[in-house]
Amino acid sequence: MSDLHIDSNQFGAFEIETLIQTLQDENIDHLHIAGDISNDFKNISQPFINQLCHHFPVSYNLGNHDMLGMSEEEIRQREIQIQQFGDRQLVSLSGWYDYSFVPEKSEEEHLKNKLLYWFDRRLERTESDPTITNHILSQLESVLQQTTSPILLSLHFVPHDDFILHHPYFERFNAFLGSRHFHTVFKKYPITDVIFGHTHHRFGSRMVEGIRYHARPLGYVREWELCKDFLKTFPSYRFKEDYHPYKRYRKIQHVPEFIEFKKKQLKKEFQDALTILDL
């Protein structure tokens, strides 16, 4: 799973219990979260992880939202982890971005947009985005060079052009989604599956040059499929701009029928955001 955003999504006891029950019903014996658990790792994410660990092992890699309030040293300490599952290894990392998805703009233009619009302007990173990405790629190569087992890889950021955004409004943010250089590195090693998030768009599973990519981020409530399904089930609440996630959610979030519908559909939403691998 990725992009749970449990603070923004206002996870309470019901949501957490439903998530745990969903995972148990799916016979999950190890949960890995590919970043963006919350905006406060110490006070929100860690207690949440501890709660889940009472039911099954949990591992994670950081997303950009998890890094809020962390020092560069704290981020780097969590950058790359390796776990063994039978004859396969799970290599997990946060990743980062280097603007390579939008090469036609200068680094200065990207930085200006980032400081105006992007969440990461709140982070205390000490180097430029391309420098951070190059450092991570180099570190990753060093790890992968020592690995002969089949590899599963999890990262938060987008590793290939196939998964960038094409809506005119969102295209300017592609620069901050990830780097095409991750896939270039992946191709050199025995990586079978890559799980990532960050875009809040569920691409499902897709094969790219021999690597199976999986992207099923949970995302914000306003983006969930159950919001669209609610309007199909209760068409009387439809309105002219209900295609717009923000406006749609503002319109229905306090409607009693929606509150009840959300409770009933929450398990399905969690299931749709799961990538399950049998190892």
C-alpha atoms as a PDB file:
ATOM      1  CA  MET A   1       0.000   0.000   0.000  1.00  0.00           C
ATOM      2  CA  SER A   2       0.988   3.627  -0.265  1.00  0.00           C
ATOM      3  CA  ASP A   3      -0.311   7.136   0.340  1.00  0.00           C
ATOM      4  CA  LEU A   4      -2.576   6.391   3.279  1.00  0.00           C
ATOM      5  CA  HIS A   5      -2.365  10.013   4.524  1.00  0.00           C
ATOM      6  CA  ILE A   6      -4.033   8.962   7.758  1.00  0.00           C
ATOM      7  CA  ASP A   7      -4.055  12.500   9.175  1.00  0.00           C
ATOM      8  CA  SER A   8      -5.502  14.243   6.124  1.00  0.00           C
ATOM      9  CA  ASN A   9      -7.959  11.365   5.691  1.00  0.00           C
ATOM     10  CA  GLN A  10      -8.923  11.588   9.364  1.00  0.00           C
ATOM     11  CA  PHE A  11      -8.379   7.938  10.188  1.00  0.00           C
ATOM     12  CA  GLY A  12     -10.064   7.088  13.456  1.00  0.00           C
ATOM     13  CA  ALA A  13     -10.759   3.814  15.214  1.00  0.00           C
ATOM     14  CA  PHE A  14     -13.259   2.678  12.574  1.00  0.00           C
ATOM     15  CA  GLU A  15     -10.909   3.291   9.650  1.00  0.00           C
ATOM     16  CA  ILE A  16      -7.948   1.611  11.338  1.00  0.00           C
ATOM     17  CA  GLU A  17     -10.005  -1.371  12.470  1.00  0.00           C
ATOM     18  CA  THR A  18     -11.457  -1.721   8.966  1.00  0.00           C
ATOM     19  CA  LEU A  19      -7.967  -1.613   7.457  1.00  0.00           C
ATOM     20  CA  ILE A  20      -6.687  -4.271   9.856  1.00  0.00           C
ATOM     21  CA  GLN A  21      -9.702  -6.493   9.210  1.00  0.00           C
ATOM     22  CA  THR A  22      -9.320  -6.051   5.451  1.00  0.00           C
ATOM     23  CA  LEU A  23      -5.671  -7.076   5.585  1.00  0.00           C
ATOM     24  CA  GLN A  24      -6.478 -10.069   7.766  1.00  0.00           C
ATOM     25  CA  ASP A  25      -9.287 -11.134   5.430  1.00  0.00           C
ATOM     26  CA  GLU A  26      -6.781 -10.997   2.560  1.00  0.00           C
ATOM     27  CA  ASN A  27      -4.370 -13.174   4.596  1.00  0.00           C
ATOM     28  CA  ILE A  28      -1.649 -10.530   4.519  1.00  0.00           C
ATOM     29  CA  ASP A  29       1.297 -11.796   6.552  1.00  0.00           C
ATOM     30  CA  HIS A  30       3.556  -8.784   5.926  1.00  0.00           C
ATOM     31  CA  LEU A  31       2.510  -5.225   5.092  1.00  0.00           C
ATOM     32  CA  HIS A  32       4.857  -2.807   3.386  1.00  0.00           C
ATOM     33  CA  ILE A  33       3.784   0.832   3.085  1.00  0.00           C
ATOM     34  CA  ALA A  34       5.456   2.679   0.220  1.00  0.00           C
ATOM     35  CA  GLY A  35       5.405   6.134   1.748  1.00  0.00           C
ATOM     36  CA  ASP A  36       3.137   8.999   2.767  1.00  0.00           C
ATOM     37  CA  ILE A  37       1.607   7.578   5.903  1.00  0.00           C
ATOM     38  CA  SER A  38       1.098  11.050   7.398  1.00  0.00           C
ATOM     39  CA  ASN A  39       2.620  14.511   7.781  1.00  0.00           C
ATOM     40  CA  ASP A  40       4.003  13.689  11.243  1.00  0.00           C
ATOM     41  CA  PHE A  41       6.042  10.525  11.375  1.00  0.00           C
ATOM     42  CA  LYS A  42       6.934  10.606  15.060  1.00  0.00           C
ATOM     43  CA  ASN A  43       3.562  11.473  16.554  1.00  0.00           C
ATOM     44  CA  ILE A  44       1.112  10.005  14.025  1.00  0.00           C
ATOM     45  CA  SER A  45       2.759   7.466  11.720  1.00  0.00           C
ATOM     46  CA  GLN A  46       4.869   5.615  14.275  1.00  0.00           C
ATOM     47  CA  PRO A  47       1.973   4.957  16.696  1.00  0.00           C
ATOM     48  CA  PHE A  48      -0.112   3.812  13.715  1.00  0.00           C
ATOM     49  CA  ILE A  49       2.633   1.413  12.596  1.00  0.00           C
ATOM     50  CA  ASN A  50       2.981   0.134  16.156  1.00  0.00           C
ATOM     51  CA  GLN A  51      -0.747  -0.558  16.279  1.00  0.00           C
ATOM     52  CA  LEU A  52      -0.642  -2.509  13.020  1.00  0.00           C
ATOM     53  CA  CYS A  53       2.371  -4.483  14.242  1.00  0.00           C
ATOM     54  CA  HIS A  54       0.186  -6.119  16.886  1.00  0.00           C
ATOM     55  CA  HIS A  55      -1.490  -7.969  14.004  1.00  0.00           C
ATOM     56  CA  PHE A  56       1.251  -8.536  11.373  1.00  0.00           C
ATOM     57  CA  PRO A  57       4.783  -7.359  10.566  1.00  0.00           C
ATOM     58  CA  VAL A  58       4.947  -3.906   8.985  1.00  0.00           C
ATOM     59  CA  SER A  59       7.750  -2.219   7.076  1.00  0.00           C
ATOM     60  CA  TYR A  60       7.821   1.052   5.184  1.00  0.00           C
ATOM     61  CA  ASN A  61       9.807   3.466   3.105  1.00  0.00           C
ATOM     62  CA  LEU A  62       9.430   7.199   3.431  1.00  0.00           C
ATOM     63  CA  GLY A  63       7.392   9.407   1.154  1.00  0.00           C
ATOM     64  CA  ASN A  64       7.813  13.156   0.907  1.00  0.00           C
ATOM     65  CA  HIS A  65       5.010  13.822   3.411  1.00  0.00           C
ATOM     66  CA  ASP A  66       6.663  11.518   5.947  1.00  0.00           C
ATOM     67  CA  MET A  67       9.799  13.670   5.749  1.00  0.00           C
ATOM     68  CA  LEU A  68       8.132  16.768   7.169  1.00  0.00           C
ATOM     69  CA  GLY A  69       9.975  17.718  10.356  1.00  0.00           C
ATOM     70  CA  MET A  70      12.845  15.296   9.703  1.00  0.00           C
ATOM     71  CA  SER A  71      16.456  16.354   9.312  1.00  0.00           C
ATOM     72  CA  GLU A  72      18.436  15.325   6.245  1.00  0.00           C
ATOM     73  CA  GLU A  73      20.334  12.863   8.418  1.00  0.00           C
ATOM     74  CA  GLU A  74      17.108  11.249   9.646  1.00  0.00           C
ATOM     75  CA  ILE A  75      15.854  10.925   6.082  1.00  0.00           C
ATOM     76  CA  ARG A  76      19.085   9.356   4.839  1.00  0.00           C
ATOM     77  CA  GLN A  77      19.168   6.873   7.697  1.00  0.00           C
ATOM     78  CA  ARG A  78      15.881   5.475   6.382  1.00  0.00           C
ATOM     79  CA  GLU A  79      16.721   5.740   2.684  1.00  0.00           C
ATOM     80  CA  ILE A  80      17.421   2.132   1.634  1.00  0.00           C
ATOM     81  CA  GLN A  81      16.422  -1.055   3.430  1.00  0.00           C
ATOM     82  CA  ILE A  82      16.716  -4.729   2.475  1.00  0.00           C
ATOM     83  CA  GLN A  83      14.504  -7.567   3.689  1.00  0.00           C
ATOM     84  CA  GLN A  84      14.644 -11.246   2.794  1.00  0.00           C
ATOM     85  CA  PHE A  85      11.503 -13.191   1.885  1.00  0.00           C
ATOM     86  CA  GLY A  86      12.458 -16.757   1.054  1.00  0.00           C
ATOM     87  CA  ASP A  87      14.677 -16.638  -2.020  1.00  0.00           C
ATOM     88  CA  ARG A  88      13.680 -13.054  -2.850  1.00  0.00           C
ATOM     89  CA  GLN A  89      14.710  -9.696  -1.475  1.00  0.00           C
ATOM     90  CA  LEU A  90      12.632  -6.586  -0.933  1.00  0.00           C
ATOM     91  CA  VAL A  91      14.679  -3.458  -1.504  1.00  0.00           C
ATOM     92  CA  SER A  92      12.821  -0.350  -0.373  1.00  0.00           C
ATOM     93  CA  LEU A  93      13.701   3.311  -0.688  1.00  0.00           C
ATOM     94  CA  SER A  94      11.990   6.664  -0.818  1.00  0.00           C
ATOM     95  CA  GLY A  95      13.454   7.903  -4.094  1.00  0.00           C
ATOM     96  CA  TRP A  96      13.206  11.544  -5.158  1.00  0.00           C
ATOM     97  CA  TYR A  97      12.938  13.643  -8.325  1.00  0.00           C
ATOM     98  CA  ASP A  98      15.311  15.402 -10.684  1.00  0.00           C
ATOM     99  CA  TYR A  99      12.904  17.144 -13.128  1.00  0.00           C
ATOM    100  CA  SER A 100      13.760  14.600 -15.847  1.00  0.00           C
ATOM    101  CA  PHE A 101      10.074  14.070 -16.663  1.00  0.00           C
ATOM    102  CA  VAL A 102       9.926  17.711 -17.825  1.00  0.00           C
ATOM    103  CA  PRO A 103      13.326  18.338 -19.437  1.00  0.00           C
ATOM    104  CA  GLU A 104      12.172  21.280 -21.547  1.00  0.00           C
ATOM    105  CA  LYS A 105      12.154  23.605 -18.528  1.00  0.00           C
ATOM    106  CA  SER A 106      15.207  24.843 -16.673  1.00  0.00           C
ATOM    107  CA  GLU A 107      16.077  23.883 -13.125  1.00  0.00           C
ATOM    108  CA  GLU A 108      15.381  27.471 -12.108  1.00  0.00           C
ATOM    109  CA  GLU A 109      11.850  27.320 -13.552  1.00  0.00           C
ATOM    110  CA  HIS A 110      11.137  24.056 -11.756  1.00  0.00           C
ATOM    111  CA  LEU A 111      12.443  25.408  -8.483  1.00  0.00           C
ATOM    112  CA  LYS A 112      10.247  28.486  -8.821  1.00  0.00           C
ATOM    113  CA  ASN A 113       7.154  26.295  -9.323  1.00  0.00           C
ATOM    114  CA  LYS A 114       8.160  24.092  -6.418  1.00  0.00           C
ATOM    115  CA  LEU A 115       8.489  27.042  -4.054  1.00  0.00           C
ATOM    116  CA  LEU A 116       5.114  28.380  -5.177  1.00  0.00           C
ATOM    117  CA  TYR A 117       2.980  25.239  -5.251  1.00  0.00           C
ATOM    118  CA  TRP A 118       4.609  22.035  -4.059  1.00  0.00           C
ATOM    119  CA  PHE A 119       4.385  20.482  -0.587  1.00  0.00           C
ATOM    120  CA  ASP A 120       8.124  19.816  -0.491  1.00  0.00           C
ATOM    121  CA  ARG A 121       8.934  23.495  -0.083  1.00  0.00           C
ATOM    122  CA  ARG A 122       8.195  22.781   3.587  1.00  0.00           C
ATOM    123  CA  LEU A 123      10.932  20.150   3.865  1.00  0.00           C
ATOM    124  CA  GLU A 124      14.425  20.841   5.176  1.00  0.00           C
ATOM    125  CA  ARG A 125      16.453  19.172   2.438  1.00  0.00           C
ATOM    126  CA  THR A 126      20.007  20.448   2.211  1.00  0.00           C
ATOM    127  CA  GLU A 127      20.862  19.789  -1.457  1.00  0.00           C
ATOM    128  CA  SER A 128      19.269  20.405  -4.836  1.00  0.00           C
ATOM    129  CA  ASP A 129      16.700  17.925  -6.093  1.00  0.00           C
ATOM    130  CA  PRO A 130      18.922  16.553  -8.906  1.00  0.00           C
ATOM    131  CA  THR A 131      21.810  16.145  -6.444  1.00  0.00           C
ATOM    132  CA  ILE A 132      19.622  14.260  -3.963  1.00  0.00           C
ATOM    133  CA  THR A 133      18.347  11.983  -6.733  1.00  0.00           C
ATOM    134  CA  ASN A 134      21.846  11.277  -8.037  1.00  0.00           C
ATOM    135  CA  HIS A 135      22.979  10.387  -4.533  1.00  0.00           C
ATOM    136  CA  ILE A 136      20.073   7.960  -4.105  1.00  0.00           C
ATOM    137  CA  LEU A 137      20.666   6.382  -7.525  1.00  0.00           C
ATOM    138  CA  SER A 138      24.334   5.858  -6.710  1.00  0.00           C
ATOM    139  CA  GLN A 139      23.506   4.357  -3.325  1.00  0.00           C
ATOM    140  CA  LEU A 140      20.880   2.111  -4.901  1.00  0.00           C
ATOM    141  CA  GLU A 141      23.304   0.846  -7.544  1.00  0.00           C
ATOM    142  CA  SER A 142      25.801  -0.056  -4.828  1.00  0.00           C
ATOM    143  CA  VAL A 143      23.137  -2.135  -3.089  1.00  0.00           C
ATOM    144  CA  LEU A 144      21.830  -3.801  -6.239  1.00  0.00           C
ATOM    145  CA  GLN A 145      25.318  -4.738  -7.423  1.00  0.00           C
ATOM    146  CA  GLN A 146      25.659  -6.984  -4.387  1.00  0.00           C
ATOM    147  CA  THR A 147      22.333  -8.724  -4.948  1.00  0.00           C
ATOM    148  CA  THR A 148      21.896 -11.933  -6.921  1.00  0.00           C
ATOM    149  CA  SER A 149      18.438 -12.937  -5.660  1.00  0.00           C
ATOM    150  CA  PRO A 150      15.277 -11.944  -7.546  1.00  0.00           C
ATOM    151  CA  ILE A 151      14.353  -8.483  -6.303  1.00  0.00           C
ATOM    152  CA  LEU A 152      11.102  -6.800  -5.374  1.00  0.00           C
ATOM    153  CA  LEU A 153      11.554  -3.061  -5.139  1.00  0.00           C
ATOM    154  CA  SER A 154       9.410  -0.484  -3.390  1.00  0.00           C
ATOM    155  CA  LEU A 155       9.804   3.260  -3.649  1.00  0.00           C
ATOM    156  CA  HIS A 156       7.517   6.209  -3.171  1.00  0.00           C
ATOM    157  CA  PHE A 157       8.295   8.274  -6.254  1.00  0.00           C
ATOM    158  CA  VAL A 158       7.452   7.558  -9.885  1.00  0.00           C
ATOM    159  CA  PRO A 159      10.168   5.603 -11.728  1.00  0.00           C
ATOM    160  CA  HIS A 160       9.027   5.735 -15.359  1.00  0.00           C
ATOM    161  CA  ASP A 161       7.463   8.126 -17.883  1.00  0.00           C
ATOM    162  CA  ASP A 162       4.507   5.782 -18.397  1.00  0.00           C
ATOM    163  CA  PHE A 163       3.079   6.934 -15.074  1.00  0.00           C
ATOM    164  CA  ILE A 164       3.264  10.715 -15.273  1.00  0.00           C
ATOM    165  CA  LEU A 165       0.187  12.961 -15.425  1.00  0.00           C
ATOM    166  CA  HIS A 166      -1.368  14.168 -18.670  1.00  0.00           C
ATOM    167  CA  HIS A 167      -4.124  16.463 -17.438  1.00  0.00           C
ATOM    168  CA  PRO A 168      -3.259  20.039 -18.519  1.00  0.00           C
ATOM    169  CA  TYR A 169      -3.570  21.396 -14.975  1.00  0.00           C
ATOM    170  CA  PHE A 170      -1.331  18.752 -13.406  1.00  0.00           C
ATOM    171  CA  GLU A 171       1.365  18.479 -16.083  1.00  0.00           C
ATOM    172  CA  ARG A 172       3.438  21.209 -14.426  1.00  0.00           C
ATOM    173  CA  PHE A 173       3.823  18.939 -11.397  1.00  0.00           C
ATOM    174  CA  ASN A 174       5.337  16.040 -13.350  1.00  0.00           C
ATOM    175  CA  ALA A 175       8.769  17.469 -12.599  1.00  0.00           C
ATOM    176  CA  PHE A 176       8.257  16.582  -8.932  1.00  0.00           C
ATOM    177  CA  LEU A 177       6.873  13.080  -9.418  1.00  0.00           C
ATOM    178  CA  GLY A 178      10.132  11.159  -9.726  1.00  0.00           C
ATOM    179  CA  SER A 179      12.863  10.340 -12.208  1.00  0.00           C
ATOM    180  CA  ARG A 180      13.106   8.308 -15.398  1.00  0.00           C
ATOM    181  CA  HIS A 181      16.610   7.318 -14.300  1.00  0.00           C
ATOM    182  CA  PHE A 182      15.228   4.870 -11.740  1.00  0.00           C
ATOM    183  CA  HIS A 183      13.917   2.610 -14.489  1.00  0.00           C
ATOM    184  CA  THR A 184      17.258   2.873 -16.291  1.00  0.00           C
ATOM    185  CA  VAL A 185      18.938   1.478 -13.178  1.00  0.00           C
ATOM    186  CA  PHE A 186      16.247  -1.141 -12.545  1.00  0.00           C
ATOM    187  CA  LYS A 187      16.733  -2.701 -15.997  1.00  0.00           C
ATOM    188  CA  LYS A 188      20.309  -3.655 -15.154  1.00  0.00           C
ATOM    189  CA  TYR A 189      19.381  -5.926 -12.250  1.00  0.00           C
ATOM    190  CA  PRO A 190      17.099  -8.930 -11.559  1.00  0.00           C
ATOM    191  CA  ILE A 191      14.139  -6.798 -10.472  1.00  0.00           C
ATOM    192  CA  THR A 192      10.827  -8.519 -11.151  1.00  0.00           C
ATOM    193  CA  ASP A 193       8.332  -6.152  -9.518  1.00  0.00           C
ATOM    194  CA  VAL A 194       8.318  -2.482  -8.536  1.00  0.00           C
ATOM    195  CA  ILE A 195       5.671  -0.994  -6.242  1.00  0.00           C
ATOM    196  CA  PHE A 196       5.290   2.785  -6.002  1.00  0.00           C
ATOM    197  CA  GLY A 197       2.775   5.547  -5.290  1.00  0.00           C
ATOM    198  CA  HIS A 198       2.925   9.348  -5.026  1.00  0.00           C
ATOM    199  CA  THR A 199       0.723  10.176  -8.033  1.00  0.00           C
ATOM    200  CA  HIS A 200      -2.545   9.269  -6.250  1.00  0.00           C
ATOM    201  CA  HIS A 201      -3.545   7.589  -9.499  1.00  0.00           C
ATOM    202  CA  ARG A 202      -4.178   3.846  -9.507  1.00  0.00           C
ATOM    203  CA  PHE A 203      -2.570   2.443 -12.613  1.00  0.00           C
ATOM    204  CA  GLY A 204      -2.884  -1.145 -11.421  1.00  0.00           C
ATOM    205  CA  SER A 205      -0.148  -3.451 -12.742  1.00  0.00           C
ATOM    206  CA  ARG A 206       1.728  -2.848 -15.971  1.00  0.00           C
ATOM    207  CA  MET A 207       4.715  -4.557 -17.598  1.00  0.00           C
ATOM    208  CA  VAL A 208       7.450  -2.226 -18.850  1.00  0.00           C
ATOM    209  CA  GLU A 209      10.553  -3.741 -20.447  1.00  0.00           C
ATOM    210  CA  GLY A 210      10.356  -6.923 -18.413  1.00  0.00           C
ATOM    211  CA  ILE A 211       9.566  -5.267 -15.084  1.00  0.00           C
ATOM    212  CA  ARG A 212       6.071  -5.400 -13.636  1.00  0.00           C
ATOM    213  CA  TYR A 213       5.123  -2.059 -12.103  1.00  0.00           C
ATOM    214  CA  HIS A 214       2.336  -1.787  -9.517  1.00  0.00           C
ATOM    215  CA  ALA A 215       0.719   1.535  -8.569  1.00  0.00           C
ATOM    216  CA  ARG A 216      -2.380   1.502  -6.371  1.00  0.00           C
ATOM    217  CA  PRO A 217      -2.017   4.451  -3.989  1.00  0.00           C
ATOM    218  CA  LEU A 218      -4.902   5.057  -1.612  1.00  0.00           C
ATOM    219  CA  GLY A 219      -4.709   8.850  -1.908  1.00  0.00           C
ATOM    220  CA  TYR A 220      -6.988  11.452  -0.368  1.00  0.00           C
ATOM    221  CA  VAL A 221     -10.632  10.680   0.383  1.00  0.00           C
ATOM    222  CA  ARG A 222     -11.765  13.182  -2.225  1.00  0.00           C
ATOM    223  CA  GLU A 223      -9.967  11.072  -4.855  1.00  0.00           C
ATOM    224  CA  TRP A 224     -11.389   7.723  -3.762  1.00  0.00           C
ATOM    225  CA  GLU A 225     -13.520   5.668  -6.092  1.00  0.00           C
ATOM    226  CA  LEU A 226     -16.269   5.485  -3.501  1.00  0.00           C
ATOM    227  CA  CYS A 227     -16.927   9.214  -3.973  1.00  0.00           C
ATOM    228  CA  LYS A 228     -17.632   8.634  -7.656  1.00  0.00           C
ATOM    229  CA  ASP A 229     -19.635   5.518  -6.840  1.00  0.00           C
ATOM    230  CA  PHE A 230     -21.746   7.456  -4.356  1.00  0.00           C
ATOM    231  CA  LEU A 231     -22.879   9.883  -7.043  1.00  0.00           C
ATOM    232  CA  LYS A 232     -23.732   6.983  -9.338  1.00  0.00           C
ATOM    233  CA  THR A 233     -25.768   5.373  -6.566  1.00  0.00           C
ATOM    234  CA  PHE A 234     -27.389   8.645  -5.454  1.00  0.00           C
ATOM    235  CA  PRO A 235     -27.700  10.674  -8.677  1.00  0.00           C
ATOM    236  CA  SER A 236     -29.820  13.321  -6.959  1.00  0.00           C
ATOM    237  CA  TYR A 237     -26.567  14.672  -5.464  1.00  0.00           C
ATOM    238  CA  ARG A 238     -24.905  15.125  -8.831  1.00  0.00           C
ATOM    239  CA  PHE A 239     -24.044  18.641  -9.978  1.00  0.00           C
ATOM    240  CA  LYS A 240     -22.406  20.292 -12.950  1.00  0.00           C
ATOM    241  CA  GLU A 241     -18.817  20.188 -11.665  1.00  0.00           C
ATOM    242  CA  ASP A 242     -18.926  16.869  -9.819  1.00  0.00           C
ATOM    243  CA  TYR A 243     -15.972  15.676 -11.906  1.00  0.00           C
ATOM    244  CA  HIS A 244     -13.779  17.961  -9.769  1.00  0.00           C
ATOM    245  CA  PRO A 245     -12.506  15.994  -6.706  1.00  0.00           C
ATOM    246  CA  TYR A 246     -12.323  18.999  -4.371  1.00  0.00           C
ATOM    247  CA  LYS A 247     -15.748  20.360  -5.254  1.00  0.00           C
ATOM    248  CA  ARG A 248     -17.289  16.900  -5.304  1.00  0.00           C
ATOM    249  CA  TYR A 249     -16.062  16.026  -1.839  1.00  0.00           C
ATOM    250  CA  ARG A 250     -16.984  19.387  -0.319  1.00  0.00           C
ATOM    251  CA  LYS A 251     -20.499  18.901  -1.632  1.00  0.00           C
ATOM    252  CA  ILE A 252     -21.064  15.409  -0.212  1.00  0.00           C
ATOM    253  CA  GLN A 253     -18.743  14.942   2.771  1.00  0.00           C
ATOM    254  CA  HIS A 254     -21.347  15.831   5.416  1.00  0.00           C
ATOM    255  CA  VAL A 255     -24.333  14.243   3.684  1.00  0.00           C
ATOM    256  CA  PRO A 256     -25.714  11.467   5.956  1.00  0.00           C
ATOM    257  CA  GLU A 257     -26.167   9.091   3.019  1.00  0.00           C
ATOM    258  CA  PHE A 258     -22.539   9.594   2.015  1.00  0.00           C
ATOM    259  CA  ILE A 259     -21.234   9.040   5.543  1.00  0.00           C
ATOM    260  CA  GLU A 260     -23.059   5.714   5.692  1.00  0.00           C
ATOM    261  CA  PHE A 261     -22.054   4.800   2.124  1.00  0.00           C
ATOM    262  CA  LYS A 262     -18.397   5.513   2.920  1.00  0.00           C
ATOM    263  CA  LYS A 263     -18.490   3.173   5.904  1.00  0.00           C
ATOM    264  CA  LYS A 264     -19.970   0.377   3.823  1.00  0.00           C
ATOM    265  CA  GLN A 265     -17.549   0.858   0.927  1.00  0.00           C
ATOM    266  CA  LEU A 266     -14.372   1.476   2.913  1.00  0.00           C
ATOM    267  CA  LYS A 267     -13.213  -2.134   2.852  1.00  0.00           C
ATOM    268  CA  LYS A 268     -13.526  -2.248  -0.939  1.00  0.00           C
ATOM    269  CA  GLU A 269     -11.555   1.001  -1.231  1.00  0.00           C
ATOM    270  CA  PHE A 270      -8.760  -0.512   0.849  1.00  0.00           C
ATOM    271  CA  GLN A 271      -8.833  -3.699  -1.217  1.00  0.00           C
ATOM    272  CA  ASP A 272      -8.507  -1.699  -4.431  1.00  0.00           C
ATOM    273  CA  ALA A 273      -5.417   0.000  -2.991  1.00  0.00           C
ATOM    274  CA  LEU A 274      -3.624  -3.270  -2.211  1.00  0.00           C
ATOM    275  CA  THR A 275      -0.889  -4.882  -4.257  1.00  0.00           C
ATOM    276  CA  ILE A 276      -0.681  -8.477  -3.046  1.00  0.00           C
ATOM    277  CA  LEU A 277       2.343 -10.573  -3.957  1.00  0.00           C
ATOM    278  CA  ASP A 278       2.639 -14.274  -3.130  1.00  0.00           C
ATOM    279  CA  LEU A 279       6.238 -15.019  -2.185  1.00  0.00           C
END
